[in-house]
Amino acid sequence: MPTSIRLEPEIEARLDALAARTGRTKAYYLRELIANGLGDLEDYYTAVEVSERIRRGEEKTYPLEEVIRDLGLDD
């Protein structure tokens, strides 16, 4: 699916330099960045959502000592 983005000049210059230095295309590196960074973004926004639910009292939390005890890690 074709997609276009507008990059800051400094970012585009860095991308151009990387592509020239390695012989790969800018599109290759953009695909790599998206594929590798998407999981991080998903994790971040999931953590934000859970943090908000905790703050509102809608998410149960457990003290570390209880988790250690319940998992039998206190040996």
C-alpha atoms as a PDB file:
ATOM      1  CA  MET A   1       0.000   0.000   0.000  1.00  0.00           C
ATOM      2  CA  PRO A   2       1.685   3.235  -1.072  1.00  0.00           C
ATOM      3  CA  THR A   3       2.123   5.752   1.714  1.00  0.00           C
ATOM      4  CA  SER A   4       3.935   9.060   1.754  1.00  0.00           C
ATOM      5  CA  ILE A   5       5.429  10.969   4.657  1.00  0.00           C
ATOM      6  CA  ARG A   6       7.100  14.316   5.023  1.00  0.00           C
ATOM      7  CA  LEU A   7      10.410  14.190   6.882  1.00  0.00           C
ATOM      8  CA  GLU A   8      12.284  16.961   8.616  1.00  0.00           C
ATOM      9  CA  PRO A   9      15.268  17.980   6.441  1.00  0.00           C
ATOM     10  CA  GLU A  10      17.760  16.785   9.070  1.00  0.00           C
ATOM     11  CA  ILE A  11      16.119  13.363   9.261  1.00  0.00           C
ATOM     12  CA  GLU A  12      15.985  13.035   5.502  1.00  0.00           C
ATOM     13  CA  ALA A  13      19.675  13.965   5.262  1.00  0.00           C
ATOM     14  CA  ARG A  14      20.549  11.252   7.778  1.00  0.00           C
ATOM     15  CA  LEU A  15      18.435   8.754   5.876  1.00  0.00           C
ATOM     16  CA  ASP A  16      20.054   9.772   2.574  1.00  0.00           C
ATOM     17  CA  ALA A  17      23.519   9.372   4.094  1.00  0.00           C
ATOM     18  CA  LEU A  18      22.699   5.930   5.500  1.00  0.00           C
ATOM     19  CA  ALA A  19      21.265   4.767   2.185  1.00  0.00           C
ATOM     20  CA  ALA A  20      24.308   6.056   0.269  1.00  0.00           C
ATOM     21  CA  ARG A  21      26.756   4.517   2.740  1.00  0.00           C
ATOM     22  CA  THR A  22      25.113   1.073   2.664  1.00  0.00           C
ATOM     23  CA  GLY A  23      23.806   0.881  -0.893  1.00  0.00           C
ATOM     24  CA  ARG A  24      20.253   0.247   0.279  1.00  0.00           C
ATOM     25  CA  THR A  25      17.218   2.386  -0.535  1.00  0.00           C
ATOM     26  CA  LYS A  26      15.597   4.896   1.763  1.00  0.00           C
ATOM     27  CA  ALA A  27      12.390   2.884   1.420  1.00  0.00           C
ATOM     28  CA  TYR A  28      14.204  -0.168   2.804  1.00  0.00           C
ATOM     29  CA  TYR A  29      15.218   1.706   5.930  1.00  0.00           C
ATOM     30  CA  LEU A  30      11.801   3.271   6.383  1.00  0.00           C
ATOM     31  CA  ARG A  31      10.209  -0.196   6.214  1.00  0.00           C
ATOM     32  CA  GLU A  32      12.773  -1.481   8.737  1.00  0.00           C
ATOM     33  CA  LEU A  33      12.119   1.412  11.098  1.00  0.00           C
ATOM     34  CA  ILE A  34       8.378   0.924  10.939  1.00  0.00           C
ATOM     35  CA  ALA A  35       8.538  -2.860  11.345  1.00  0.00           C
ATOM     36  CA  ASN A  36      10.935  -2.638  14.291  1.00  0.00           C
ATOM     37  CA  GLY A  37       9.412   0.420  15.939  1.00  0.00           C
ATOM     38  CA  LEU A  38       5.740  -0.469  15.661  1.00  0.00           C
ATOM     39  CA  GLY A  39       5.926  -3.036  18.451  1.00  0.00           C
ATOM     40  CA  ASP A  40       7.593  -0.493  20.729  1.00  0.00           C
ATOM     41  CA  LEU A  41       4.855   2.052  20.040  1.00  0.00           C
ATOM     42  CA  GLU A  42       2.143  -0.529  20.661  1.00  0.00           C
ATOM     43  CA  ASP A  43       3.793  -1.506  23.963  1.00  0.00           C
ATOM     44  CA  TYR A  44       4.136   2.139  25.002  1.00  0.00           C
ATOM     45  CA  TYR A  45       0.498   3.003  24.359  1.00  0.00           C
ATOM     46  CA  THR A  46      -0.689  -0.190  26.051  1.00  0.00           C
ATOM     47  CA  ALA A  47       1.366   0.779  29.114  1.00  0.00           C
ATOM     48  CA  VAL A  48      -0.164   4.276  29.078  1.00  0.00           C
ATOM     49  CA  GLU A  49      -3.674   2.796  28.930  1.00  0.00           C
ATOM     50  CA  VAL A  50      -2.969   0.398  31.806  1.00  0.00           C
ATOM     51  CA  SER A  51      -1.375   3.199  33.852  1.00  0.00           C
ATOM     52  CA  GLU A  52      -4.494   5.307  33.384  1.00  0.00           C
ATOM     53  CA  ARG A  53      -6.719   2.416  34.486  1.00  0.00           C
ATOM     54  CA  ILE A  54      -4.516   1.925  37.569  1.00  0.00           C
ATOM     55  CA  ARG A  55      -4.709   5.630  38.349  1.00  0.00           C
ATOM     56  CA  ARG A  56      -8.519   5.499  38.117  1.00  0.00           C
ATOM     57  CA  GLY A  57      -8.646   2.393  40.321  1.00  0.00           C
ATOM     58  CA  GLU A  58      -9.982   0.222  37.502  1.00  0.00           C
ATOM     59  CA  GLU A  59      -6.990  -2.130  37.346  1.00  0.00           C
ATOM     60  CA  LYS A  60      -5.960  -4.487  40.138  1.00  0.00           C
ATOM     61  CA  THR A  61      -2.357  -4.286  41.291  1.00  0.00           C
ATOM     62  CA  TYR A  62      -0.340  -6.616  43.498  1.00  0.00           C
ATOM     63  CA  PRO A  63       2.498  -5.855  45.906  1.00  0.00           C
ATOM     64  CA  LEU A  64       5.851  -7.293  44.792  1.00  0.00           C
ATOM     65  CA  GLU A  65       6.196  -9.283  48.006  1.00  0.00           C
ATOM     66  CA  GLU A  66       2.858 -11.018  47.315  1.00  0.00           C
ATOM     67  CA  VAL A  67       3.858 -11.892  43.749  1.00  0.00           C
ATOM     68  CA  ILE A  68       7.199 -13.299  44.917  1.00  0.00           C
ATOM     69  CA  ARG A  69       5.475 -15.371  47.602  1.00  0.00           C
ATOM     70  CA  ASP A  70       2.657 -16.623  45.319  1.00  0.00           C
ATOM     71  CA  LEU A  71       5.138 -17.666  42.607  1.00  0.00           C
ATOM     72  CA  GLY A  72       7.364 -19.432  45.130  1.00  0.00           C
ATOM     73  CA  LEU A  73      10.314 -17.190  44.376  1.00  0.00           C
ATOM     74  CA  ASP A  74      11.108 -16.385  47.993  1.00  0.00           C
ATOM     75  CA  ASP A  75      13.360 -19.423  48.429  1.00  0.00           C
END
